[in-house]
Amino acid sequence: IHLINYGFEIKYSFFIGSQFNYWGCLGVSLGYIAIIMLLVQIFKNGWIIKSLKAVGQMAFTNYLMQTIICTFIFYGHGIGMFGKVERTSQILIVFAIWIFQMIVSPIWLRYFYYGPFEWLWRSLTYRSLQPMKRS
């Protein structure tokens, strides 16, 4: 809002006025980090932390899963909803995918050492099929 008072002058908006944003972002980022660390300490043995750990162990698979799901929802070869879904509905889709992944990832890792794409990546890296299934 303070940029309106200066008529969006280039000199002010890119140099002097943006300093508030730069330094403010640093403080907000440190606050977010502190809150996350506090929540991790409070809930360190809870299912949310265990689920997030499993999601992190399957990061490549989960990334590709998000891409495939959203491509199916939004592009023409799927449902074709690009430009038709409101922001609030998009947020609900994101949370639904996250919750799905937080449920499926720990279940998958009970039976397998890696996610499917982590296993593929590891097998290609070592040039031999890596063990995937837990005994």
N, C-alpha and C. Protein backbone atom coordinates (compact mmCIF):
# COMPACT_ATOMS: atom_id res chain seq x y z
N ILE A 1 0.84 -1.19 0.00
CA ILE A 1 0.00 0.00 0.00
C ILE A 1 0.88 1.25 0.00
N HIS A 2 2.03 1.18 0.68
CA HIS A 2 2.87 2.38 0.75
C HIS A 2 3.43 2.76 -0.62
N LEU A 3 3.44 1.84 -1.59
CA LEU A 3 3.92 2.18 -2.94
C LEU A 3 2.96 3.12 -3.65
N ILE A 4 1.68 3.07 -3.29
CA ILE A 4 0.69 3.96 -3.91
C ILE A 4 1.05 5.41 -3.61
N ASN A 5 1.52 5.68 -2.39
CA ASN A 5 1.89 7.05 -2.02
C ASN A 5 3.02 7.59 -2.88
N TYR A 6 3.83 6.72 -3.44
CA TYR A 6 4.95 7.15 -4.27
C TYR A 6 4.66 6.98 -5.75
N GLY A 7 3.41 6.68 -6.09
CA GLY A 7 3.02 6.56 -7.49
C GLY A 7 3.74 5.43 -8.21
N PHE A 8 4.13 4.42 -7.48
CA PHE A 8 4.84 3.27 -8.04
C PHE A 8 6.10 3.67 -8.80
N GLU A 9 6.80 4.67 -8.28
CA GLU A 9 8.06 5.10 -8.91
C GLU A 9 9.02 3.92 -8.96
N ILE A 10 9.72 3.79 -10.08
CA ILE A 10 10.67 2.69 -10.26
C ILE A 10 11.74 2.73 -9.18
N LYS A 11 12.32 3.91 -8.96
CA LYS A 11 13.41 4.03 -7.98
C LYS A 11 12.94 3.60 -6.60
N TYR A 12 11.75 4.02 -6.21
CA TYR A 12 11.26 3.68 -4.88
C TYR A 12 10.83 2.22 -4.81
N SER A 13 10.07 1.76 -5.80
CA SER A 13 9.49 0.42 -5.69
C SER A 13 10.53 -0.69 -5.82
N PHE A 14 11.60 -0.46 -6.57
CA PHE A 14 12.60 -1.52 -6.73
C PHE A 14 13.77 -1.41 -5.77
N PHE A 15 14.01 -0.27 -5.19
CA PHE A 15 15.18 -0.12 -4.34
C PHE A 15 14.80 0.21 -2.90
N ILE A 16 14.38 1.42 -2.67
CA ILE A 16 14.11 1.85 -1.29
C ILE A 16 12.90 1.13 -0.70
N GLY A 17 11.79 1.13 -1.41
CA GLY A 17 10.56 0.53 -0.89
C GLY A 17 10.61 -0.97 -0.73
N SER A 18 11.41 -1.61 -1.54
CA SER A 18 11.46 -3.07 -1.47
C SER A 18 12.28 -3.57 -0.28
N GLN A 19 13.03 -2.71 0.35
CA GLN A 19 13.84 -3.12 1.51
C GLN A 19 12.96 -3.62 2.65
N PHE A 20 11.79 -3.00 2.83
CA PHE A 20 10.87 -3.47 3.87
C PHE A 20 10.46 -4.91 3.60
N ASN A 21 10.19 -5.20 2.34
CA ASN A 21 9.79 -6.55 1.95
C ASN A 21 10.94 -7.54 2.15
N TYR A 22 12.13 -7.19 1.71
CA TYR A 22 13.28 -8.09 1.85
C TYR A 22 13.53 -8.46 3.30
N TRP A 23 13.64 -7.47 4.15
CA TRP A 23 13.96 -7.74 5.55
C TRP A 23 12.78 -8.34 6.30
N GLY A 24 11.59 -7.96 5.92
CA GLY A 24 10.40 -8.56 6.52
C GLY A 24 10.29 -10.04 6.21
N CYS A 25 10.62 -10.41 4.97
CA CYS A 25 10.58 -11.82 4.56
C CYS A 25 11.56 -12.65 5.38
N LEU A 26 12.71 -12.09 5.68
CA LEU A 26 13.69 -12.80 6.49
C LEU A 26 13.11 -13.11 7.87
N GLY A 27 12.49 -12.11 8.49
CA GLY A 27 11.89 -12.32 9.81
C GLY A 27 10.76 -13.34 9.78
N VAL A 28 9.90 -13.24 8.77
CA VAL A 28 8.79 -14.19 8.64
C VAL A 28 9.32 -15.60 8.41
N SER A 29 10.35 -15.75 7.59
CA SER A 29 10.94 -17.07 7.34
C SER A 29 11.50 -17.67 8.61
N LEU A 30 12.21 -16.88 9.40
CA LEU A 30 12.74 -17.38 10.67
C LEU A 30 11.61 -17.77 11.62
N GLY A 31 10.52 -17.01 11.59
CA GLY A 31 9.36 -17.36 12.41
C GLY A 31 8.75 -18.69 11.99
N TYR A 32 8.62 -18.91 10.67
CA TYR A 32 8.09 -20.18 10.17
C TYR A 32 8.99 -21.35 10.59
N ILE A 33 10.28 -21.16 10.46
CA ILE A 33 11.23 -22.21 10.85
C ILE A 33 11.08 -22.53 12.34
N ALA A 34 10.96 -21.49 13.16
CA ALA A 34 10.81 -21.70 14.61
C ALA A 34 9.52 -22.45 14.92
N ILE A 35 8.43 -22.09 14.26
CA ILE A 35 7.15 -22.77 14.49
C ILE A 35 7.24 -24.24 14.07
N ILE A 36 7.82 -24.49 12.91
CA ILE A 36 7.96 -25.87 12.44
C ILE A 36 8.81 -26.69 13.40
N MET A 37 9.93 -26.12 13.85
CA MET A 37 10.79 -26.85 14.79
C MET A 37 10.08 -27.12 16.11
N LEU A 38 9.29 -26.17 16.58
CA LEU A 38 8.52 -26.36 17.81
C LEU A 38 7.50 -27.48 17.63
N LEU A 39 6.79 -27.48 16.50
CA LEU A 39 5.80 -28.52 16.25
C LEU A 39 6.45 -29.90 16.12
N VAL A 40 7.63 -29.95 15.51
CA VAL A 40 8.34 -31.23 15.39
C VAL A 40 8.72 -31.74 16.78
N GLN A 41 9.17 -30.86 17.66
CA GLN A 41 9.53 -31.28 19.01
C GLN A 41 8.31 -31.75 19.81
N ILE A 42 7.18 -31.06 19.63
CA ILE A 42 5.98 -31.43 20.37
C ILE A 42 5.41 -32.76 19.88
N PHE A 43 5.37 -32.94 18.56
CA PHE A 43 4.72 -34.12 17.98
C PHE A 43 5.71 -35.12 17.39
N LYS A 44 6.92 -35.21 17.95
CA LYS A 44 7.97 -36.02 17.32
C LYS A 44 7.63 -37.50 17.22
N ASN A 45 6.77 -38.01 18.06
CA ASN A 45 6.39 -39.42 17.97
C ASN A 45 4.98 -39.61 17.40
N GLY A 46 4.42 -38.55 16.87
CA GLY A 46 3.06 -38.63 16.34
C GLY A 46 3.00 -39.15 14.92
N TRP A 47 1.80 -39.47 14.49
CA TRP A 47 1.61 -40.04 13.16
C TRP A 47 1.92 -39.03 12.06
N ILE A 48 1.72 -37.73 12.32
CA ILE A 48 2.00 -36.72 11.29
C ILE A 48 3.48 -36.71 10.95
N ILE A 49 4.33 -36.71 11.95
CA ILE A 49 5.78 -36.69 11.71
C ILE A 49 6.21 -37.98 11.01
N LYS A 50 5.67 -39.10 11.45
CA LYS A 50 6.01 -40.38 10.81
C LYS A 50 5.54 -40.40 9.35
N SER A 51 4.37 -39.83 9.10
CA SER A 51 3.87 -39.77 7.72
C SER A 51 4.73 -38.85 6.87
N LEU A 52 5.11 -37.71 7.42
CA LEU A 52 5.97 -36.78 6.67
C LEU A 52 7.33 -37.41 6.38
N LYS A 53 7.83 -38.19 7.33
CA LYS A 53 9.10 -38.88 7.11
C LYS A 53 8.97 -39.85 5.94
N ALA A 54 7.87 -40.60 5.90
CA ALA A 54 7.65 -41.55 4.81
C ALA A 54 7.47 -40.82 3.47
N VAL A 55 6.76 -39.71 3.49
CA VAL A 55 6.58 -38.92 2.27
C VAL A 55 7.94 -38.42 1.78
N GLY A 56 8.81 -38.02 2.70
CA GLY A 56 10.15 -37.57 2.33
C GLY A 56 11.01 -38.69 1.76
N GLN A 57 10.85 -39.90 2.29
CA GLN A 57 11.61 -41.04 1.77
C GLN A 57 11.16 -41.43 0.37
N MET A 58 9.94 -41.05 0.03
CA MET A 58 9.41 -41.34 -1.31
C MET A 58 9.20 -40.05 -2.10
N ALA A 59 10.09 -39.08 -1.93
CA ALA A 59 9.89 -37.76 -2.51
C ALA A 59 9.76 -37.78 -4.03
N PHE A 60 10.62 -38.53 -4.71
CA PHE A 60 10.59 -38.58 -6.17
C PHE A 60 9.28 -39.20 -6.65
N THR A 61 8.88 -40.30 -6.04
CA THR A 61 7.61 -40.96 -6.39
C THR A 61 6.43 -40.04 -6.12
N ASN A 62 6.43 -39.37 -4.96
CA ASN A 62 5.33 -38.48 -4.63
C ASN A 62 5.28 -37.27 -5.55
N TYR A 63 6.43 -36.75 -5.93
CA TYR A 63 6.47 -35.64 -6.88
C TYR A 63 5.85 -36.06 -8.21
N LEU A 64 6.26 -37.22 -8.71
CA LEU A 64 5.70 -37.70 -9.98
C LEU A 64 4.21 -38.02 -9.85
N MET A 65 3.80 -38.53 -8.69
CA MET A 65 2.39 -38.82 -8.46
C MET A 65 1.57 -37.53 -8.49
N GLN A 66 2.06 -36.47 -7.84
CA GLN A 66 1.37 -35.19 -7.88
C GLN A 66 1.26 -34.68 -9.31
N THR A 67 2.33 -34.81 -10.07
CA THR A 67 2.34 -34.36 -11.45
C THR A 67 1.32 -35.13 -12.28
N ILE A 68 1.28 -36.44 -12.13
CA ILE A 68 0.34 -37.27 -12.89
C ILE A 68 -1.10 -36.95 -12.51
N ILE A 69 -1.38 -36.84 -11.22
CA ILE A 69 -2.74 -36.54 -10.76
C ILE A 69 -3.20 -35.19 -11.29
N CYS A 70 -2.36 -34.16 -11.11
CA CYS A 70 -2.76 -32.81 -11.53
C CYS A 70 -2.83 -32.68 -13.05
N THR A 71 -1.96 -33.38 -13.76
CA THR A 71 -2.04 -33.38 -15.22
C THR A 71 -3.35 -34.01 -15.66
N PHE A 72 -3.74 -35.10 -15.02
CA PHE A 72 -5.01 -35.74 -15.35
C PHE A 72 -6.19 -34.81 -15.06
N ILE A 73 -6.14 -34.12 -13.93
CA ILE A 73 -7.25 -33.23 -13.56
C ILE A 73 -7.34 -32.03 -14.49
N PHE A 74 -6.20 -31.41 -14.80
CA PHE A 74 -6.24 -30.11 -15.45
C PHE A 74 -6.04 -30.12 -16.96
N TYR A 75 -5.38 -31.10 -17.53
CA TYR A 75 -5.11 -31.07 -18.97
C TYR A 75 -6.18 -31.80 -19.77
N GLY A 76 -6.18 -31.56 -21.07
CA GLY A 76 -7.20 -32.09 -21.96
C GLY A 76 -7.22 -33.59 -22.10
N HIS A 77 -6.09 -34.26 -21.92
CA HIS A 77 -6.09 -35.72 -22.02
C HIS A 77 -6.71 -36.38 -20.79
N GLY A 78 -7.10 -35.56 -19.82
CA GLY A 78 -7.78 -36.05 -18.62
C GLY A 78 -9.15 -35.40 -18.52
N ILE A 79 -9.41 -34.81 -17.38
CA ILE A 79 -10.71 -34.18 -17.14
C ILE A 79 -10.78 -32.80 -17.82
N GLY A 80 -9.64 -32.14 -17.99
CA GLY A 80 -9.60 -30.85 -18.68
C GLY A 80 -10.17 -29.69 -17.89
N MET A 81 -9.82 -29.59 -16.62
CA MET A 81 -10.38 -28.55 -15.75
C MET A 81 -9.52 -27.30 -15.66
N PHE A 82 -8.48 -27.18 -16.49
CA PHE A 82 -7.61 -26.00 -16.43
C PHE A 82 -8.44 -24.74 -16.68
N GLY A 83 -8.30 -23.76 -15.80
CA GLY A 83 -9.01 -22.50 -15.92
C GLY A 83 -10.45 -22.56 -15.44
N LYS A 84 -10.91 -23.71 -15.01
CA LYS A 84 -12.30 -23.87 -14.57
C LYS A 84 -12.42 -24.08 -13.07
N VAL A 85 -11.30 -24.26 -12.39
CA VAL A 85 -11.31 -24.56 -10.96
C VAL A 85 -10.89 -23.30 -10.20
N GLU A 86 -11.74 -22.89 -9.25
CA GLU A 86 -11.44 -21.71 -8.43
C GLU A 86 -10.26 -21.98 -7.51
N ARG A 87 -9.65 -20.90 -7.00
CA ARG A 87 -8.49 -21.03 -6.11
C ARG A 87 -8.80 -21.87 -4.88
N THR A 88 -9.96 -21.66 -4.29
CA THR A 88 -10.29 -22.43 -3.08
C THR A 88 -10.40 -23.92 -3.40
N SER A 89 -10.95 -24.24 -4.55
CA SER A 89 -11.03 -25.65 -4.95
C SER A 89 -9.65 -26.21 -5.25
N GLN A 90 -8.77 -25.39 -5.80
CA GLN A 90 -7.40 -25.83 -6.06
C GLN A 90 -6.70 -26.18 -4.75
N ILE A 91 -6.92 -25.36 -3.73
CA ILE A 91 -6.32 -25.63 -2.42
C ILE A 91 -6.85 -26.95 -1.86
N LEU A 92 -8.15 -27.19 -2.03
CA LEU A 92 -8.73 -28.46 -1.57
C LEU A 92 -8.12 -29.65 -2.30
N ILE A 93 -7.88 -29.49 -3.61
CA ILE A 93 -7.24 -30.56 -4.38
C ILE A 93 -5.84 -30.83 -3.84
N VAL A 94 -5.09 -29.76 -3.57
CA VAL A 94 -3.73 -29.91 -3.03
C VAL A 94 -3.76 -30.66 -1.69
N PHE A 95 -4.64 -30.23 -0.79
CA PHE A 95 -4.72 -30.90 0.51
C PHE A 95 -5.16 -32.35 0.37
N ALA A 96 -6.07 -32.64 -0.56
CA ALA A 96 -6.51 -34.02 -0.78
C ALA A 96 -5.34 -34.89 -1.25
N ILE A 97 -4.53 -34.35 -2.16
CA ILE A 97 -3.36 -35.10 -2.65
C ILE A 97 -2.36 -35.31 -1.51
N TRP A 98 -2.11 -34.26 -0.72
CA TRP A 98 -1.18 -34.39 0.41
C TRP A 98 -1.64 -35.45 1.40
N ILE A 99 -2.92 -35.38 1.77
CA ILE A 99 -3.45 -36.35 2.74
C ILE A 99 -3.35 -37.76 2.17
N PHE A 100 -3.70 -37.92 0.90
CA PHE A 100 -3.58 -39.23 0.24
C PHE A 100 -2.15 -39.74 0.33
N GLN A 101 -1.18 -38.88 0.03
CA GLN A 101 0.22 -39.30 0.07
C GLN A 101 0.69 -39.56 1.50
N MET A 102 0.18 -38.82 2.46
CA MET A 102 0.56 -39.05 3.85
C MET A 102 -0.02 -40.36 4.39
N ILE A 103 -1.09 -40.84 3.79
CA ILE A 103 -1.67 -42.13 4.18
C ILE A 103 -0.98 -43.27 3.44
N VAL A 104 -0.77 -43.11 2.13
CA VAL A 104 -0.25 -44.20 1.30
C VAL A 104 1.25 -44.44 1.52
N SER A 105 2.04 -43.38 1.68
CA SER A 105 3.50 -43.54 1.78
C SER A 105 3.94 -44.43 2.94
N PRO A 106 3.43 -44.23 4.18
CA PRO A 106 3.85 -45.13 5.26
C PRO A 106 3.40 -46.58 5.03
N ILE A 107 2.23 -46.75 4.44
CA ILE A 107 1.75 -48.11 4.15
C ILE A 107 2.68 -48.78 3.14
N TRP A 108 3.04 -48.05 2.09
CA TRP A 108 3.95 -48.60 1.07
C TRP A 108 5.28 -49.01 1.69
N LEU A 109 5.82 -48.14 2.54
CA LEU A 109 7.15 -48.39 3.11
C LEU A 109 7.14 -49.51 4.16
N ARG A 110 5.98 -49.94 4.59
CA ARG A 110 5.92 -51.13 5.45
C ARG A 110 6.30 -52.39 4.68
N TYR A 111 6.01 -52.38 3.40
CA TYR A 111 6.22 -53.58 2.57
C TYR A 111 7.43 -53.48 1.65
N PHE A 112 7.88 -52.25 1.38
CA PHE A 112 8.98 -52.06 0.44
C PHE A 112 10.02 -51.12 1.04
N TYR A 113 11.27 -51.27 0.60
CA TYR A 113 12.36 -50.40 1.08
C TYR A 113 12.26 -49.00 0.51
N TYR A 114 11.82 -48.89 -0.73
CA TYR A 114 11.82 -47.61 -1.45
C TYR A 114 10.49 -47.44 -2.17
N GLY A 115 10.25 -46.19 -2.58
CA GLY A 115 9.16 -45.94 -3.51
C GLY A 115 9.54 -46.51 -4.87
N PRO A 116 8.57 -46.72 -5.76
CA PRO A 116 8.88 -47.34 -7.05
C PRO A 116 9.90 -46.56 -7.88
N PHE A 117 9.80 -45.24 -7.89
CA PHE A 117 10.74 -44.46 -8.70
C PHE A 117 12.09 -44.30 -8.01
N GLU A 118 12.11 -44.31 -6.68
CA GLU A 118 13.39 -44.32 -5.97
C GLU A 118 14.13 -45.63 -6.25
N TRP A 119 13.37 -46.73 -6.27
CA TRP A 119 13.95 -48.03 -6.59
C TRP A 119 14.52 -48.04 -8.01
N LEU A 120 13.74 -47.52 -8.96
CA LEU A 120 14.20 -47.46 -10.35
C LEU A 120 15.46 -46.62 -10.46
N TRP A 121 15.46 -45.46 -9.83
CA TRP A 121 16.62 -44.56 -9.86
C TRP A 121 17.85 -45.25 -9.27
N ARG A 122 17.66 -45.89 -8.13
CA ARG A 122 18.76 -46.59 -7.46
C ARG A 122 19.27 -47.75 -8.31
N SER A 123 18.38 -48.50 -8.92
CA SER A 123 18.78 -49.62 -9.78
C SER A 123 19.55 -49.14 -11.00
N LEU A 124 19.10 -48.04 -11.60
CA LEU A 124 19.82 -47.49 -12.74
C LEU A 124 21.18 -46.95 -12.33
N THR A 125 21.26 -46.35 -11.15
CA THR A 125 22.52 -45.80 -10.67
C THR A 125 23.55 -46.90 -10.45
N TYR A 126 23.13 -47.99 -9.81
CA TYR A 126 24.06 -49.09 -9.51
C TYR A 126 24.14 -50.12 -10.64
N ARG A 127 23.37 -49.93 -11.68
CA ARG A 127 23.35 -50.82 -12.85
C ARG A 127 23.03 -52.27 -12.50
N SER A 128 22.22 -52.44 -11.49
CA SER A 128 21.71 -53.77 -11.14
C SER A 128 20.42 -53.59 -10.34
N LEU A 129 19.54 -54.57 -10.44
CA LEU A 129 18.27 -54.47 -9.72
C LEU A 129 18.53 -54.52 -8.21
N GLN A 130 18.03 -53.53 -7.53
CA GLN A 130 18.20 -53.44 -6.08
C GLN A 130 17.04 -54.17 -5.39
N PRO A 131 17.29 -54.71 -4.20
CA PRO A 131 16.18 -55.34 -3.48
C PRO A 131 15.14 -54.29 -3.13
N MET A 132 13.88 -54.63 -3.34
CA MET A 132 12.83 -53.66 -3.09
C MET A 132 11.88 -54.12 -1.99
N LYS A 133 11.50 -55.38 -2.02
CA LYS A 133 10.50 -55.89 -1.08
C LYS A 133 11.14 -56.26 0.25
N ARG A 134 10.50 -55.84 1.32
CA ARG A 134 10.96 -56.22 2.66
C ARG A 134 10.63 -57.68 2.92
N SER A 135 11.43 -58.33 3.72
CA SER A 135 11.20 -59.76 4.03
C SER A 135 10.12 -59.92 5.07
